[in-house]
């Protein structure tokens, strides 16, 4: 979820406007979370990537034997 759709429970304004300290703190927390290494990838995509990596490793191990 992006913070542009969130409404602050403290001041009932959109979090993106940052009207109160709670809004500003939530906005900063969301920005930090978005900047992670795998922040743009969904959990399902990460699981599929892991399965594909394991399959490739198994195939490589089978061919070397």
PDB file of N, CA and C in Angstrom:
ATOM      1  N   UNK A   1       0.852  -1.174   0.000  1.00  0.00           N
ATOM      2  CA  UNK A   1       0.000   0.000   0.000  1.00  0.00           C
ATOM      3  C   UNK A   1       0.894   1.232   0.000  1.00  0.00           C
ATOM      4  N   UNK A   2       0.473   2.230  -0.720  1.00  0.00           N
ATOM      5  CA  UNK A   2       1.230   3.466  -0.754  1.00  0.00           C
ATOM      6  C   UNK A   2       0.629   4.465   0.215  1.00  0.00           C
ATOM      7  N   UNK A   3       1.444   5.383   0.670  1.00  0.00           N
ATOM      8  CA  UNK A   3       0.963   6.317   1.660  1.00  0.00           C
ATOM      9  C   UNK A   3       0.097   7.431   1.064  1.00  0.00           C
ATOM     10  N   UNK A   4      -0.018   7.535  -0.255  1.00  0.00           N
ATOM     11  CA  UNK A   4      -0.857   8.575  -0.837  1.00  0.00           C
ATOM     12  C   UNK A   4      -2.345   8.310  -0.626  1.00  0.00           C
ATOM     13  N   UNK A   5      -2.720   7.099  -0.226  1.00  0.00           N
ATOM     14  CA  UNK A   5      -4.129   6.782   0.032  1.00  0.00           C
ATOM     15  C   UNK A   5      -4.449   6.671   1.519  1.00  0.00           C
ATOM     16  N   UNK A   6      -3.464   6.784   2.360  1.00  0.00           N
ATOM     17  CA  UNK A   6      -3.696   6.646   3.790  1.00  0.00           C
ATOM     18  C   UNK A   6      -4.258   7.934   4.384  1.00  0.00           C
ATOM     19  N   UNK A   7      -5.140   7.754   5.371  1.00  0.00           N
ATOM     20  CA  UNK A   7      -5.713   8.882   6.094  1.00  0.00           C
ATOM     21  C   UNK A   7      -5.260   8.760   7.541  1.00  0.00           C
ATOM     22  N   UNK A   8      -4.781   9.852   8.082  1.00  0.00           N
ATOM     23  CA  UNK A   8      -4.263   9.875   9.453  1.00  0.00           C
ATOM     24  C   UNK A   8      -5.407   9.756  10.456  1.00  0.00           C
ATOM     25  N   UNK A   9      -5.242   8.912  11.448  1.00  0.00           N
ATOM     26  CA  UNK A   9      -6.254   8.760  12.497  1.00  0.00           C
ATOM     27  C   UNK A   9      -6.199   9.919  13.483  1.00  0.00           C
ATOM     28  N   UNK A  10      -5.088  10.639  13.506  1.00  0.00           N
ATOM     29  CA  UNK A  10      -4.931  11.742  14.448  1.00  0.00           C
ATOM     30  C   UNK A  10      -5.620  13.016  13.962  1.00  0.00           C
ATOM     31  N   UNK A  11      -5.441  13.367  12.676  1.00  0.00           N
ATOM     32  CA  UNK A  11      -5.990  14.636  12.177  1.00  0.00           C
ATOM     33  C   UNK A  11      -6.985  14.450  11.031  1.00  0.00           C
ATOM     34  N   UNK A  12      -7.210  13.214  10.585  1.00  0.00           N
ATOM     35  CA  UNK A  12      -8.163  12.882   9.516  1.00  0.00           C
ATOM     36  C   UNK A  12      -7.817  13.531   8.181  1.00  0.00           C
ATOM     37  N   UNK A  13      -6.546  13.811   7.968  1.00  0.00           N
ATOM     38  CA  UNK A  13      -6.073  14.362   6.693  1.00  0.00           C
ATOM     39  C   UNK A  13      -5.244  13.297   5.987  1.00  0.00           C
ATOM     40  N   UNK A  14      -5.059  13.434   4.690  1.00  0.00           N
ATOM     41  CA  UNK A  14      -4.181  12.484   3.991  1.00  0.00           C
ATOM     42  C   UNK A  14      -2.757  12.540   4.555  1.00  0.00           C
ATOM     43  N   UNK A  15      -2.147  11.390   4.697  1.00  0.00           N
ATOM     44  CA  UNK A  15      -0.802  11.306   5.274  1.00  0.00           C
ATOM     45  C   UNK A  15       0.208  12.065   4.414  1.00  0.00           C
ATOM     46  N   UNK A  16      -0.024  12.113   3.104  1.00  0.00           N
ATOM     47  CA  UNK A  16       0.914  12.791   2.203  1.00  0.00           C
ATOM     48  C   UNK A  16       1.018  14.276   2.493  1.00  0.00           C
ATOM     49  N   UNK A  17      -0.016  14.865   3.071  1.00  0.00           N
ATOM     50  CA  UNK A  17       0.033  16.294   3.384  1.00  0.00           C
ATOM     51  C   UNK A  17       0.892  16.576   4.606  1.00  0.00           C
ATOM     52  N   UNK A  18       1.031  15.620   5.519  1.00  0.00           N
ATOM     53  CA  UNK A  18       1.888  15.783   6.689  1.00  0.00           C
ATOM     54  C   UNK A  18       1.471  16.921   7.594  1.00  0.00           C
ATOM     55  N   UNK A  19       0.199  17.012   7.905  1.00  0.00           N
ATOM     56  CA  UNK A  19      -0.312  18.123   8.720  1.00  0.00           C
ATOM     57  C   UNK A  19       0.093  18.041  10.192  1.00  0.00           C
ATOM     58  N   UNK A  20       0.198  16.839  10.710  1.00  0.00           N
ATOM     59  CA  UNK A  20       0.521  16.688  12.132  1.00  0.00           C
ATOM     60  C   UNK A  20       1.783  15.831  12.287  1.00  0.00           C
ATOM     61  N   UNK A  21       2.357  15.774  13.489  1.00  0.00           N
ATOM     62  CA  UNK A  21       3.565  14.971  13.706  1.00  0.00           C
ATOM     63  C   UNK A  21       3.349  13.483  13.415  1.00  0.00           C
ATOM     64  N   UNK A  22       2.144  12.987  13.663  1.00  0.00           N
ATOM     65  CA  UNK A  22       1.856  11.577  13.394  1.00  0.00           C
ATOM     66  C   UNK A  22       1.904  11.315  11.888  1.00  0.00           C
ATOM     67  N   UNK A  23       1.330  12.217  11.099  1.00  0.00           N
ATOM     68  CA  UNK A  23       1.372  12.094   9.635  1.00  0.00           C
ATOM     69  C   UNK A  23       2.809  12.106   9.135  1.00  0.00           C
ATOM     70  N   UNK A  24       3.580  13.047   9.631  1.00  0.00           N
ATOM     71  CA  UNK A  24       4.961  13.164   9.161  1.00  0.00           C
ATOM     72  C   UNK A  24       5.783  11.938   9.533  1.00  0.00           C
ATOM     73  N   UNK A  25       5.575  11.404  10.737  1.00  0.00           N
ATOM     74  CA  UNK A  25       6.300  10.206  11.148  1.00  0.00           C
ATOM     75  C   UNK A  25       5.897   9.001  10.298  1.00  0.00           C
ATOM     76  N   UNK A  26       4.607   8.862  10.033  1.00  0.00           N
ATOM     77  CA  UNK A  26       4.143   7.746   9.194  1.00  0.00           C
ATOM     78  C   UNK A  26       4.678   7.872   7.780  1.00  0.00           C
ATOM     79  N   UNK A  27       4.684   9.072   7.261  1.00  0.00           N
ATOM     80  CA  UNK A  27       5.180   9.301   5.905  1.00  0.00           C
ATOM     81  C   UNK A  27       6.670   8.941   5.804  1.00  0.00           C
ATOM     82  N   UNK A  28       7.464   9.315   6.792  1.00  0.00           N
ATOM     83  CA  UNK A  28       8.892   8.984   6.783  1.00  0.00           C
ATOM     84  C   UNK A  28       9.115   7.476   6.908  1.00  0.00           C
ATOM     85  N   UNK A  29       8.323   6.818   7.763  1.00  0.00           N
ATOM     86  CA  UNK A  29       8.433   5.367   7.922  1.00  0.00           C
ATOM     87  C   UNK A  29       8.125   4.651   6.611  1.00  0.00           C
ATOM     88  N   UNK A  30       7.087   5.109   5.916  1.00  0.00           N
ATOM     89  CA  UNK A  30       6.727   4.493   4.643  1.00  0.00           C
ATOM     90  C   UNK A  30       7.802   4.739   3.592  1.00  0.00           C
ATOM     91  N   UNK A  31       8.403   5.907   3.578  1.00  0.00           N
ATOM     92  CA  UNK A  31       9.474   6.210   2.618  1.00  0.00           C
ATOM     93  C   UNK A  31      10.687   5.324   2.857  1.00  0.00           C
ATOM     94  N   UNK A  32      11.036   5.112   4.116  1.00  0.00           N
ATOM     95  CA  UNK A  32      12.172   4.247   4.442  1.00  0.00           C
ATOM     96  C   UNK A  32      11.909   2.822   3.998  1.00  0.00           C
ATOM     97  N   UNK A  33      10.689   2.360   4.184  1.00  0.00           N
ATOM     98  CA  UNK A  33      10.322   1.000   3.816  1.00  0.00           C
ATOM     99  C   UNK A  33      10.346   0.807   2.303  1.00  0.00           C
ATOM    100  N   UNK A  34      10.016   1.837   1.536  1.00  0.00           N
ATOM    101  CA  UNK A  34      10.008   1.751   0.079  1.00  0.00           C
ATOM    102  C   UNK A  34      11.407   1.672  -0.518  1.00  0.00           C
ATOM    103  N   UNK A  35      12.429   2.043   0.218  1.00  0.00           N
ATOM    104  CA  UNK A  35      13.770   2.115  -0.319  1.00  0.00           C
ATOM    105  C   UNK A  35      14.577   0.844  -0.097  1.00  0.00           C
ATOM    106  N   UNK A  36      13.959  -0.219   0.372  1.00  0.00           N
ATOM    107  CA  UNK A  36      14.662  -1.474   0.599  1.00  0.00           C
ATOM    108  C   UNK A  36      15.075  -2.153  -0.693  1.00  0.00           C
ATOM    109  N   UNK A  37      15.913  -3.157  -0.584  1.00  0.00           N
ATOM    110  CA  UNK A  37      16.449  -3.851  -1.748  1.00  0.00           C
ATOM    111  C   UNK A  37      15.349  -4.536  -2.562  1.00  0.00           C
ATOM    112  N   UNK A  38      14.446  -5.231  -1.901  1.00  0.00           N
ATOM    113  CA  UNK A  38      13.370  -5.939  -2.580  1.00  0.00           C
ATOM    114  C   UNK A  38      12.016  -5.276  -2.325  1.00  0.00           C
ATOM    115  N   UNK A  39      11.985  -3.974  -2.126  1.00  0.00           N
ATOM    116  CA  UNK A  39      10.746  -3.276  -1.788  1.00  0.00           C
ATOM    117  C   UNK A  39       9.736  -3.286  -2.926  1.00  0.00           C
ATOM    118  N   UNK A  40      10.192  -3.271  -4.169  1.00  0.00           N
ATOM    119  CA  UNK A  40       9.275  -3.213  -5.286  1.00  0.00           C
ATOM    120  C   UNK A  40       8.774  -4.567  -5.755  1.00  0.00           C
ATOM    121  N   UNK A  41       9.242  -5.643  -5.123  1.00  0.00           N
ATOM    122  CA  UNK A  41       8.872  -6.988  -5.554  1.00  0.00           C
ATOM    123  C   UNK A  41       7.862  -7.572  -4.567  1.00  0.00           C
ATOM    124  N   UNK A  42       6.806  -8.156  -5.099  1.00  0.00           N
ATOM    125  CA  UNK A  42       5.784  -8.745  -4.235  1.00  0.00           C
ATOM    126  C   UNK A  42       6.305 -10.043  -3.608  1.00  0.00           C
ATOM    127  N   UNK A  43       5.730 -10.463  -2.507  1.00  0.00           N
ATOM    128  CA  UNK A  43       6.144 -11.719  -1.883  1.00  0.00           C
ATOM    129  C   UNK A  43       5.965 -12.921  -2.808  1.00  0.00           C
ATOM    130  N   UNK A  44       4.920 -12.920  -3.633  1.00  0.00           N
ATOM    131  CA  UNK A  44       4.706 -14.022  -4.569  1.00  0.00           C
ATOM    132  C   UNK A  44       5.830 -14.071  -5.610  1.00  0.00           C
ATOM    133  N   UNK A  45       6.280 -12.916  -6.064  1.00  0.00           N
ATOM    134  CA  UNK A  45       7.372 -12.874  -7.030  1.00  0.00           C
ATOM    135  C   UNK A  45       8.679 -13.343  -6.392  1.00  0.00           C
ATOM    136  N   UNK A  46       8.894 -12.993  -5.141  1.00  0.00           N
ATOM    137  CA  UNK A  46      10.091 -13.474  -4.444  1.00  0.00           C
ATOM    138  C   UNK A  46      10.058 -14.991  -4.287  1.00  0.00           C
ATOM    139  N   UNK A  47       8.899 -15.542  -3.964  1.00  0.00           N
ATOM    140  CA  UNK A  47       8.771 -16.989  -3.824  1.00  0.00           C
ATOM    141  C   UNK A  47       9.018 -17.677  -5.165  1.00  0.00           C
ATOM    142  N   UNK A  48       8.474 -17.130  -6.246  1.00  0.00           N
ATOM    143  CA  UNK A  48       8.695 -17.703  -7.574  1.00  0.00           C
ATOM    144  C   UNK A  48      10.176 -17.640  -7.959  1.00  0.00           C
ATOM    145  N   UNK A  49      10.826 -16.547  -7.629  1.00  0.00           N
ATOM    146  CA  UNK A  49      12.261 -16.412  -7.897  1.00  0.00           C
ATOM    147  C   UNK A  49      13.060 -17.448  -7.117  1.00  0.00           C
ATOM    148  N   UNK A  50      12.701 -17.685  -5.875  1.00  0.00           N
ATOM    149  CA  UNK A  50      13.376 -18.681  -5.057  1.00  0.00           C
ATOM    150  C   UNK A  50      13.184 -20.086  -5.620  1.00  0.00           C
ATOM    151  N   UNK A  51      11.964 -20.409  -6.041  1.00  0.00           N
ATOM    152  CA  UNK A  51      11.681 -21.723  -6.632  1.00  0.00           C
ATOM    153  C   UNK A  51      12.480 -21.906  -7.922  1.00  0.00           C
ATOM    154  N   UNK A  52      12.543 -20.875  -8.748  1.00  0.00           N
ATOM    155  CA  UNK A  52      13.299 -20.957 -10.000  1.00  0.00           C
ATOM    156  C   UNK A  52      14.795 -21.137  -9.721  1.00  0.00           C
ATOM    157  N   UNK A  53      15.304 -20.449  -8.726  1.00  0.00           N
ATOM    158  CA  UNK A  53      16.714 -20.593  -8.359  1.00  0.00           C
ATOM    159  C   UNK A  53      17.007 -22.002  -7.861  1.00  0.00           C
ATOM    160  N   UNK A  54      16.141 -22.546  -7.030  1.00  0.00           N
ATOM    161  CA  UNK A  54      16.340 -23.903  -6.530  1.00  0.00           C
ATOM    162  C   UNK A  54      16.257 -24.927  -7.657  1.00  0.00           C
ATOM    163  N   UNK A  55      15.339 -24.724  -8.602  1.00  0.00           N
ATOM    164  CA  UNK A  55      15.229 -25.635  -9.746  1.00  0.00           C
ATOM    165  C   UNK A  55      16.482 -25.573 -10.608  1.00  0.00           C
ATOM    166  N   UNK A  56      17.016 -24.388 -10.815  1.00  0.00           N
ATOM    167  CA  UNK A  56      18.236 -24.238 -11.605  1.00  0.00           C
ATOM    168  C   UNK A  56      19.423 -24.907 -10.903  1.00  0.00           C
ATOM    169  N   UNK A  57      19.497 -24.772  -9.610  1.00  0.00           N
ATOM    170  CA  UNK A  57      20.575 -25.420  -8.865  1.00  0.00           C
ATOM    171  C   UNK A  57      20.449 -26.937  -8.905  1.00  0.00           C
ATOM    172  N   UNK A  58      19.219 -27.435  -8.802  1.00  0.00           N
ATOM    173  CA  UNK A  58      19.007 -28.881  -8.866  1.00  0.00           C
ATOM    174  C   UNK A  58      19.367 -29.414 -10.244  1.00  0.00           C
ATOM    175  N   UNK A  59      19.012 -28.704 -11.291  1.00  0.00           N
ATOM    176  CA  UNK A  59      19.343 -29.102 -12.640  1.00  0.00           C
ATOM    177  C   UNK A  59      20.853 -29.095 -12.855  1.00  0.00           C
ATOM    178  N   UNK A  60      21.516 -28.092 -12.358  1.00  0.00           N
ATOM    179  CA  UNK A  60      22.974 -28.000 -12.467  1.00  0.00           C
ATOM    180  C   UNK A  60      23.651 -29.140 -11.707  1.00  0.00           C
ATOM    181  N   UNK A  61      23.168 -29.457 -10.525  1.00  0.00           N
ATOM    182  CA  UNK A  61      23.733 -30.544  -9.734  1.00  0.00           C
ATOM    183  C   UNK A  61      23.506 -31.878 -10.419  1.00  0.00           C
ATOM    184  N   UNK A  62      22.366 -32.048 -11.038  1.00  0.00           N
ATOM    185  CA  UNK A  62      22.065 -33.309 -11.740  1.00  0.00           C
ATOM    186  C   UNK A  62      22.942 -33.492 -12.977  1.00  0.00           C
ATOM    187  N   UNK A  63      23.249 -32.423 -13.677  1.00  0.00           N
ATOM    188  CA  UNK A  63      24.061 -32.516 -14.876  1.00  0.00           C
ATOM    189  C   UNK A  63      25.534 -32.758 -14.581  1.00  0.00           C
ATOM    190  N   UNK A  64      26.020 -32.335 -13.440  1.00  0.00           N
ATOM    191  CA  UNK A  64      27.428 -32.506 -13.116  1.00  0.00           C
ATOM    192  C   UNK A  64      27.739 -33.894 -12.579  1.00  0.00           C
ATOM    193  N   UNK A  65      26.733 -34.631 -12.182  1.00  0.00           N
ATOM    194  CA  UNK A  65      26.948 -35.984 -11.628  1.00  0.00           C
ATOM    195  C   UNK A  65      27.067 -36.998 -12.718  1.00  0.00           C
TER     196      UNK A  65
END
